[in-house]
Amino acid sequence: MPDPRRVFPEQIHMVSARCSERRFFLKPCKATTEIFSYALARALELTSVELYALVVLSNHYHAMVGDPKAELPKFTRLLNLLTSRALNAHYGRGERLWSSAPYSNVEIHDEETLIRELVYLYTNPVKDGLVSSPEAWPGLHTTPEDMGVRTQLVKRPEYALFGSTTPKFWVPPGAKSPSAYRRAVAEQLHARERARAEGERIRQPRTTLPAELPLEIKVPFLIEPKDREAFKRRVRIAVDLEVEEIHARRRAEGQTSFLGAAKIRALTWSDSAGDSFPSFGRNPRVASGNQDGERQSLLRGLKAWREAYRSALAEWRAGNRDVEFPLGAYSMRTLHHCNVATEPILLG
């Protein structure tokens, strides 16, 4: 069986998810930005999760989030579900949008690790050779300076899933050329104008989703209020140094140019970044700046938690409904309402 996912309260996570077959379903454009922003704001509204940093690339995203009440699975389910339904309606497709592999969440336990993972998140488009600086990425992204400052109202997109009659960029069946597409759209608009002029009833959007939602970028709760500005400066310095190192490595390898925003926008959503065969590499669950001491302690704690979970699960399956699961057993707590410990496992 796969390893159970541990979800502690008051925990910071680096969350990542990629598109099916590495296709460019999230390629930077007006539609993907509006849809993902609204889905993200809705998922944040319905949970206690806090957003600290984000970058949405063409076929995957990274988000640094805080989880005060252990609701990370609910947050990712809402975000990915609403995004996939809306983008599938926009693209006129019905298959899965996200990879069949589960999303990744890496626990962050200290400030140094938090900075290192934030640097990875911010510089991801540069590392992949897409743009020369994090700020040049044309898709949805945040910067270190946004933490604790950036708040915006995200309007509900005007697409079929959100109450419209057809997707905003709906391509009529049989419209195989730009001119045929323009003619079909013009005919649709003229039909609506004639209906209004003749007093016919125009269907209004039917949805219970809010017309607009706030999207706030917060400062990680690991950081004391008095240290927040200094923390943001440290992150900015680390990001700039990493960008310089990436440029130096690329020059040493003879790579002097980046793909650029124009070519990125010109990508087709059905294109892929390449082979989607799984790498079978490690999927880390914890991260620490101390590779020798603290990280080994965290891994021992994770191993002990998994053993306690499996032991409790075996008893529960045998009929003992009073067995206590370790703190962090999200699915057993929310789906089956099992007894869950209130304190973490202490290593001897």
Protein backbone atom coordinates (compact mmCIF):
# COMPACT_ATOMS: atom_id res chain seq x y z
CA MET A 1 0.00 0.00 0.00
CA PRO A 2 1.23 3.56 -0.56
CA ASP A 3 2.65 5.47 2.37
CA PRO A 4 -0.05 7.38 4.26
CA ARG A 5 0.13 11.17 4.06
CA ARG A 6 0.91 12.85 7.38
CA VAL A 7 -0.92 16.15 7.95
CA PHE A 8 0.02 18.03 11.11
CA PRO A 9 -1.63 21.25 12.29
CA GLU A 10 0.58 24.36 12.38
CA GLN A 11 2.75 23.00 9.56
CA ILE A 12 4.26 24.70 6.50
CA HIS A 13 4.29 22.74 3.23
CA MET A 14 5.80 23.07 -0.22
CA VAL A 15 2.99 21.77 -2.45
CA SER A 16 3.50 20.73 -6.07
CA ALA A 17 1.25 19.15 -8.70
CA ARG A 18 1.81 18.54 -12.40
CA CYS A 19 -0.48 18.16 -15.38
CA SER A 20 -1.30 14.86 -17.03
CA GLU A 21 1.36 13.72 -19.54
CA ARG A 22 3.27 16.95 -18.76
CA ARG A 23 0.94 18.83 -21.12
CA PHE A 24 0.79 22.63 -21.08
CA PHE A 25 -2.71 22.94 -19.64
CA LEU A 26 -1.52 25.80 -17.40
CA LYS A 27 0.30 27.73 -20.12
CA PRO A 28 0.35 31.48 -19.38
CA CYS A 29 -2.70 33.22 -20.81
CA LYS A 30 -5.66 35.26 -19.60
CA ALA A 31 -7.92 32.23 -19.14
CA THR A 32 -5.52 30.10 -17.08
CA THR A 33 -4.57 33.06 -14.88
CA GLU A 34 -8.20 33.94 -14.18
CA ILE A 35 -9.27 30.34 -13.57
CA PHE A 36 -6.33 29.35 -11.37
CA SER A 37 -6.48 32.59 -9.36
CA TYR A 38 -10.19 32.15 -8.65
CA ALA A 39 -9.84 28.44 -7.82
CA LEU A 40 -6.97 29.28 -5.47
CA ALA A 41 -8.92 32.06 -3.77
CA ARG A 42 -11.93 29.76 -3.38
CA ALA A 43 -9.82 26.96 -1.85
CA LEU A 44 -8.26 29.43 0.58
CA GLU A 45 -11.69 30.80 1.50
CA LEU A 46 -13.08 27.35 2.36
CA THR A 47 -10.08 26.27 4.46
CA SER A 48 -7.71 27.77 7.01
CA VAL A 49 -4.71 27.34 4.69
CA GLU A 50 -2.50 30.41 4.13
CA LEU A 51 -0.64 31.22 0.91
CA TYR A 52 2.95 32.48 1.11
CA ALA A 53 4.37 32.03 -2.39
CA LEU A 54 3.26 30.68 -5.76
CA VAL A 55 4.47 30.02 -9.27
CA VAL A 56 2.26 28.46 -11.95
CA LEU A 57 4.30 27.11 -14.86
CA SER A 58 2.93 25.66 -18.09
CA ASN A 59 2.53 22.10 -16.82
CA HIS A 60 2.88 22.26 -13.03
CA TYR A 61 2.73 24.58 -10.07
CA HIS A 62 4.55 25.12 -6.77
CA ALA A 63 2.93 26.75 -3.75
CA MET A 64 4.31 27.47 -0.29
CA VAL A 65 1.43 27.28 2.16
CA GLY A 66 0.78 27.22 5.89
CA ASP A 67 -1.72 24.78 7.38
CA PRO A 68 -2.89 25.92 10.84
CA LYS A 69 -5.72 23.37 11.21
CA ALA A 70 -4.44 20.36 9.20
CA GLU A 71 -6.64 20.94 6.14
CA LEU A 72 -4.03 20.58 3.39
CA PRO A 73 -5.73 17.63 1.58
CA LYS A 74 -9.03 19.52 1.50
CA PHE A 75 -7.27 22.62 0.14
CA THR A 76 -5.45 20.76 -2.65
CA ARG A 77 -8.59 18.81 -3.56
CA LEU A 78 -10.62 22.03 -3.91
CA LEU A 79 -7.88 23.81 -5.86
CA ASN A 80 -7.18 20.97 -8.28
CA LEU A 81 -10.83 19.99 -8.71
CA LEU A 82 -12.11 23.46 -9.55
CA THR A 83 -9.12 24.19 -11.79
CA SER A 84 -9.47 20.94 -13.74
CA ARG A 85 -13.22 21.30 -14.27
CA ALA A 86 -12.94 24.90 -15.42
CA LEU A 87 -9.96 24.35 -17.72
CA ASN A 88 -11.50 21.22 -19.22
CA ALA A 89 -14.64 23.22 -19.99
CA HIS A 90 -12.47 25.98 -21.47
CA TYR A 91 -10.48 23.56 -23.65
CA GLY A 92 -13.50 21.44 -24.58
CA ARG A 93 -12.01 18.21 -23.26
CA GLY A 94 -13.16 15.59 -20.77
CA GLU A 95 -10.11 13.60 -19.66
CA ARG A 96 -8.12 14.12 -16.47
CA LEU A 97 -6.15 17.35 -16.29
CA TRP A 98 -3.81 16.46 -13.42
CA SER A 99 -1.33 13.61 -13.33
CA SER A 100 -2.50 10.32 -11.85
CA ALA A 101 0.40 10.59 -9.40
CA PRO A 102 -0.63 12.23 -6.11
CA TYR A 103 0.39 15.79 -5.40
CA SER A 104 3.62 16.34 -3.50
CA ASN A 105 3.84 18.03 -0.12
CA VAL A 106 7.15 18.57 1.66
CA GLU A 107 7.08 19.55 5.33
CA ILE A 108 9.16 22.63 6.20
CA HIS A 109 10.44 22.65 9.79
CA ASP A 110 12.91 25.55 10.07
CA GLU A 111 13.62 29.00 8.67
CA GLU A 112 16.73 28.05 6.67
CA THR A 113 14.86 25.29 4.87
CA LEU A 114 11.96 27.66 4.26
CA ILE A 115 14.28 30.15 2.56
CA ARG A 116 15.92 27.43 0.47
CA GLU A 117 12.58 26.08 -0.73
CA LEU A 118 11.27 29.59 -1.44
CA VAL A 119 14.34 30.27 -3.57
CA TYR A 120 13.67 27.07 -5.52
CA LEU A 121 10.05 28.12 -6.05
CA TYR A 122 10.81 31.68 -7.18
CA THR A 123 13.70 30.72 -9.51
CA ASN A 124 12.03 27.67 -11.09
CA PRO A 125 11.27 29.41 -14.44
CA VAL A 126 14.90 30.60 -14.63
CA LYS A 127 16.35 27.20 -13.75
CA ASP A 128 14.31 25.59 -16.52
CA GLY A 129 15.67 28.06 -19.09
CA LEU A 130 12.32 29.74 -19.71
CA VAL A 131 12.99 33.37 -18.69
CA SER A 132 16.04 35.29 -17.50
CA SER A 133 14.54 36.44 -14.19
CA PRO A 134 11.67 35.32 -11.92
CA GLU A 135 9.81 38.57 -12.54
CA ALA A 136 9.89 37.97 -16.32
CA TRP A 137 7.69 34.88 -16.05
CA PRO A 138 4.43 35.76 -17.91
CA GLY A 139 2.26 33.38 -15.88
CA LEU A 140 0.81 33.66 -12.39
CA HIS A 141 3.55 34.13 -9.78
CA THR A 142 4.45 36.03 -6.63
CA THR A 143 7.65 37.70 -5.38
CA PRO A 144 9.32 37.88 -1.94
CA GLU A 145 8.12 41.47 -1.61
CA ASP A 146 4.48 40.32 -1.95
CA MET A 147 4.49 38.52 1.40
CA GLY A 148 2.34 40.38 3.89
CA VAL A 149 1.59 43.14 1.37
CA ARG A 150 -0.19 41.78 -1.69
CA THR A 151 -3.96 41.39 -1.47
CA GLN A 152 -6.18 41.45 -4.54
CA LEU A 153 -9.82 40.83 -5.37
CA VAL A 154 -10.21 38.02 -7.89
CA LYS A 155 -13.35 38.19 -10.02
CA ARG A 156 -15.28 35.06 -10.96
CA PRO A 157 -14.28 34.09 -14.52
CA GLU A 158 -16.91 34.24 -17.26
CA TYR A 159 -16.76 30.65 -18.44
CA ALA A 160 -19.26 27.80 -18.72
CA LEU A 161 -18.33 26.21 -15.41
CA PHE A 162 -18.92 29.50 -13.61
CA GLY A 163 -22.45 30.05 -14.87
CA SER A 164 -22.04 31.19 -18.49
CA THR A 165 -23.84 29.41 -21.33
CA THR A 166 -20.65 28.54 -23.22
CA PRO A 167 -16.92 28.90 -22.53
CA LYS A 168 -15.65 32.38 -23.27
CA PHE A 169 -13.18 31.03 -25.84
CA TRP A 170 -15.44 28.23 -27.04
CA VAL A 171 -14.54 26.93 -30.50
CA PRO A 172 -17.68 25.93 -32.44
CA PRO A 173 -17.72 22.37 -33.84
CA GLY A 174 -16.33 22.26 -37.35
CA ALA A 175 -14.52 25.61 -37.05
CA LYS A 176 -11.15 24.41 -38.30
CA SER A 177 -9.80 27.77 -39.43
CA PRO A 178 -9.50 31.19 -37.75
CA SER A 179 -11.92 32.74 -40.24
CA ALA A 180 -14.55 30.03 -39.64
CA TYR A 181 -14.11 30.48 -35.90
CA ARG A 182 -14.59 34.25 -36.16
CA ARG A 183 -17.71 33.81 -38.31
CA ALA A 184 -19.23 31.34 -35.85
CA VAL A 185 -18.55 33.59 -32.87
CA ALA A 186 -19.96 36.62 -34.72
CA GLU A 187 -23.13 34.69 -35.56
CA GLN A 188 -23.50 33.71 -31.93
CA LEU A 189 -23.15 37.34 -30.80
CA HIS A 190 -25.63 38.57 -33.44
CA ALA A 191 -28.16 35.94 -32.34
CA ARG A 192 -27.93 37.20 -28.77
CA GLU A 193 -28.31 40.82 -29.88
CA ARG A 194 -31.41 39.93 -31.93
CA ALA A 195 -32.89 38.10 -28.96
CA ARG A 196 -32.38 41.15 -26.75
CA ALA A 197 -33.90 43.48 -29.36
CA GLU A 198 -36.98 41.26 -29.71
CA GLY A 199 -37.48 41.06 -25.96
CA GLU A 200 -36.69 37.39 -25.63
CA ARG A 201 -35.45 36.06 -22.32
CA ILE A 202 -31.67 35.94 -22.11
CA ARG A 203 -30.32 33.18 -19.94
CA GLN A 204 -28.43 34.60 -16.98
CA PRO A 205 -25.48 32.89 -15.32
CA ARG A 206 -26.59 30.45 -12.63
CA THR A 207 -23.95 29.86 -9.97
CA THR A 208 -23.63 30.05 -6.22
CA LEU A 209 -19.95 30.96 -6.39
CA PRO A 210 -19.09 34.46 -5.13
CA ALA A 211 -18.68 37.19 -7.75
CA GLU A 212 -15.26 38.05 -6.32
CA LEU A 213 -12.90 36.68 -3.69
CA PRO A 214 -9.85 38.08 -1.87
CA LEU A 215 -6.47 36.52 -2.59
CA GLU A 216 -3.90 37.38 0.07
CA ILE A 217 -0.19 36.57 0.21
CA LYS A 218 0.84 36.25 3.85
CA VAL A 219 4.13 35.96 5.73
CA PRO A 220 4.93 32.45 7.05
CA PHE A 221 3.90 32.03 10.68
CA LEU A 222 7.39 30.68 11.44
CA ILE A 223 8.61 34.28 11.22
CA GLU A 224 8.09 36.64 14.15
CA PRO A 225 6.34 39.93 13.26
CA LYS A 226 9.44 41.97 14.17
CA ASP A 227 11.60 39.88 11.81
CA ARG A 228 9.34 39.87 8.75
CA GLU A 229 11.01 42.64 6.76
CA ALA A 230 14.46 41.21 7.45
CA PHE A 231 13.20 37.77 6.38
CA LYS A 232 11.89 39.12 3.08
CA ARG A 233 15.23 40.85 2.43
CA ARG A 234 17.08 37.58 3.13
CA VAL A 235 14.86 35.76 0.66
CA ARG A 236 15.38 38.44 -2.01
CA ILE A 237 19.17 38.32 -1.59
CA ALA A 238 19.14 34.51 -1.81
CA VAL A 239 16.94 34.62 -4.93
CA ASP A 240 19.23 37.13 -6.67
CA LEU A 241 22.31 35.03 -5.83
CA GLU A 242 20.65 31.89 -7.17
CA VAL A 243 19.69 33.64 -10.42
CA GLU A 244 23.31 34.77 -10.87
CA GLU A 245 24.53 31.21 -10.30
CA ILE A 246 22.03 29.84 -12.81
CA HIS A 247 23.20 32.35 -15.42
CA ALA A 248 26.83 31.45 -14.72
CA ARG A 249 26.15 27.72 -15.11
CA ARG A 250 24.27 28.29 -18.36
CA ARG A 251 27.11 30.41 -19.77
CA ALA A 252 29.60 27.69 -18.82
CA GLU A 253 27.45 25.18 -20.71
CA GLY A 254 27.21 27.45 -23.76
CA GLN A 255 23.54 28.31 -23.18
CA THR A 256 23.28 32.06 -23.58
CA SER A 257 19.59 32.58 -24.30
CA PHE A 258 16.24 31.79 -22.69
CA LEU A 259 13.01 30.69 -24.33
CA GLY A 260 11.32 34.03 -23.61
CA ALA A 261 7.79 35.14 -22.76
CA ALA A 262 6.62 35.43 -26.38
CA LYS A 263 7.44 31.80 -27.24
CA ILE A 264 5.98 30.62 -23.94
CA ARG A 265 2.66 32.34 -24.69
CA ALA A 266 2.67 30.79 -28.18
CA LEU A 267 2.67 27.24 -26.78
CA THR A 268 -0.37 25.08 -27.50
CA TRP A 269 -2.12 23.61 -24.46
CA SER A 270 -2.13 20.13 -26.01
CA ASP A 271 1.66 20.13 -26.42
CA SER A 272 3.84 18.33 -23.89
CA ALA A 273 7.21 18.95 -22.27
CA GLY A 274 8.34 15.47 -23.28
CA ASP A 275 8.26 11.91 -22.01
CA SER A 276 5.80 11.45 -19.15
CA PHE A 277 7.22 8.07 -18.09
CA PRO A 278 7.72 8.17 -14.29
CA SER A 279 11.25 8.74 -13.06
CA PHE A 280 10.79 6.47 -10.02
CA GLY A 281 12.92 8.93 -8.06
CA ARG A 282 12.54 9.85 -4.44
CA ASN A 283 9.52 11.85 -3.36
CA PRO A 284 10.66 13.63 -0.17
CA ARG A 285 8.12 14.33 2.56
CA VAL A 286 10.31 16.37 4.94
CA ALA A 287 13.00 18.99 4.36
CA SER A 288 15.61 20.39 6.72
CA GLY A 289 18.66 22.60 6.42
CA ASN A 290 20.62 20.33 8.77
CA GLN A 291 21.32 17.30 6.62
CA ASP A 292 23.15 15.34 9.33
CA GLY A 293 21.28 15.83 12.60
CA GLU A 294 17.83 17.38 12.38
CA ARG A 295 16.88 15.81 9.07
CA GLN A 296 17.71 12.31 10.34
CA SER A 297 15.62 12.98 13.43
CA LEU A 298 12.70 14.11 11.25
CA LEU A 299 12.99 10.99 9.11
CA ARG A 300 13.02 8.75 12.18
CA GLY A 301 9.91 10.56 13.41
CA LEU A 302 8.20 10.03 10.04
CA LYS A 303 9.12 6.33 10.08
CA ALA A 304 7.75 5.94 13.62
CA TRP A 305 4.55 7.74 12.59
CA ARG A 306 4.01 5.42 9.62
CA GLU A 307 4.57 2.35 11.79
CA ALA A 308 2.07 3.62 14.38
CA TYR A 309 -0.43 4.41 11.62
CA ARG A 310 -0.17 0.96 10.04
CA SER A 311 -0.45 -0.74 13.42
CA ALA A 312 -3.60 1.24 14.27
CA LEU A 313 -5.03 0.59 10.80
CA ALA A 314 -4.54 -3.16 11.20
CA GLU A 315 -6.42 -3.08 14.52
CA TRP A 316 -9.18 -0.93 13.02
CA ARG A 317 -9.62 -3.35 10.12
CA ALA A 318 -9.80 -6.20 12.62
CA GLY A 319 -12.83 -4.55 14.19
CA ASN A 320 -11.37 -2.42 16.99
CA ARG A 321 -13.15 0.89 16.43
CA ASP A 322 -11.68 2.39 19.62
CA VAL A 323 -8.07 2.21 18.45
CA GLU A 324 -6.22 5.54 18.48
CA PHE A 325 -4.43 6.74 15.35
CA PRO A 326 -1.38 9.01 15.59
CA LEU A 327 -1.79 12.76 15.21
CA GLY A 328 -1.80 13.63 11.50
CA ALA A 329 -3.98 10.75 10.26
CA TYR A 330 -6.14 13.02 8.13
CA SER A 331 -8.29 10.56 6.20
CA MET A 332 -9.09 8.40 9.24
CA ARG A 333 -10.06 11.51 11.20
CA THR A 334 -12.18 13.21 8.53
CA LEU A 335 -13.67 10.27 6.61
CA HIS A 336 -14.06 7.60 9.29
CA HIS A 337 -14.17 9.79 12.44
CA CYS A 338 -11.63 7.60 14.22
CA ASN A 339 -9.92 8.45 17.48
CA VAL A 340 -6.78 10.48 16.79
CA ALA A 341 -4.08 11.42 19.28
CA THR A 342 -3.78 15.06 20.29
CA GLU A 343 0.01 14.98 20.74
CA PRO A 344 2.73 13.93 18.27
CA ILE A 345 4.76 10.76 18.74
CA LEU A 346 7.80 11.29 20.97
CA LEU A 347 10.97 9.43 20.03
CA GLY A 348 12.85 7.73 22.81
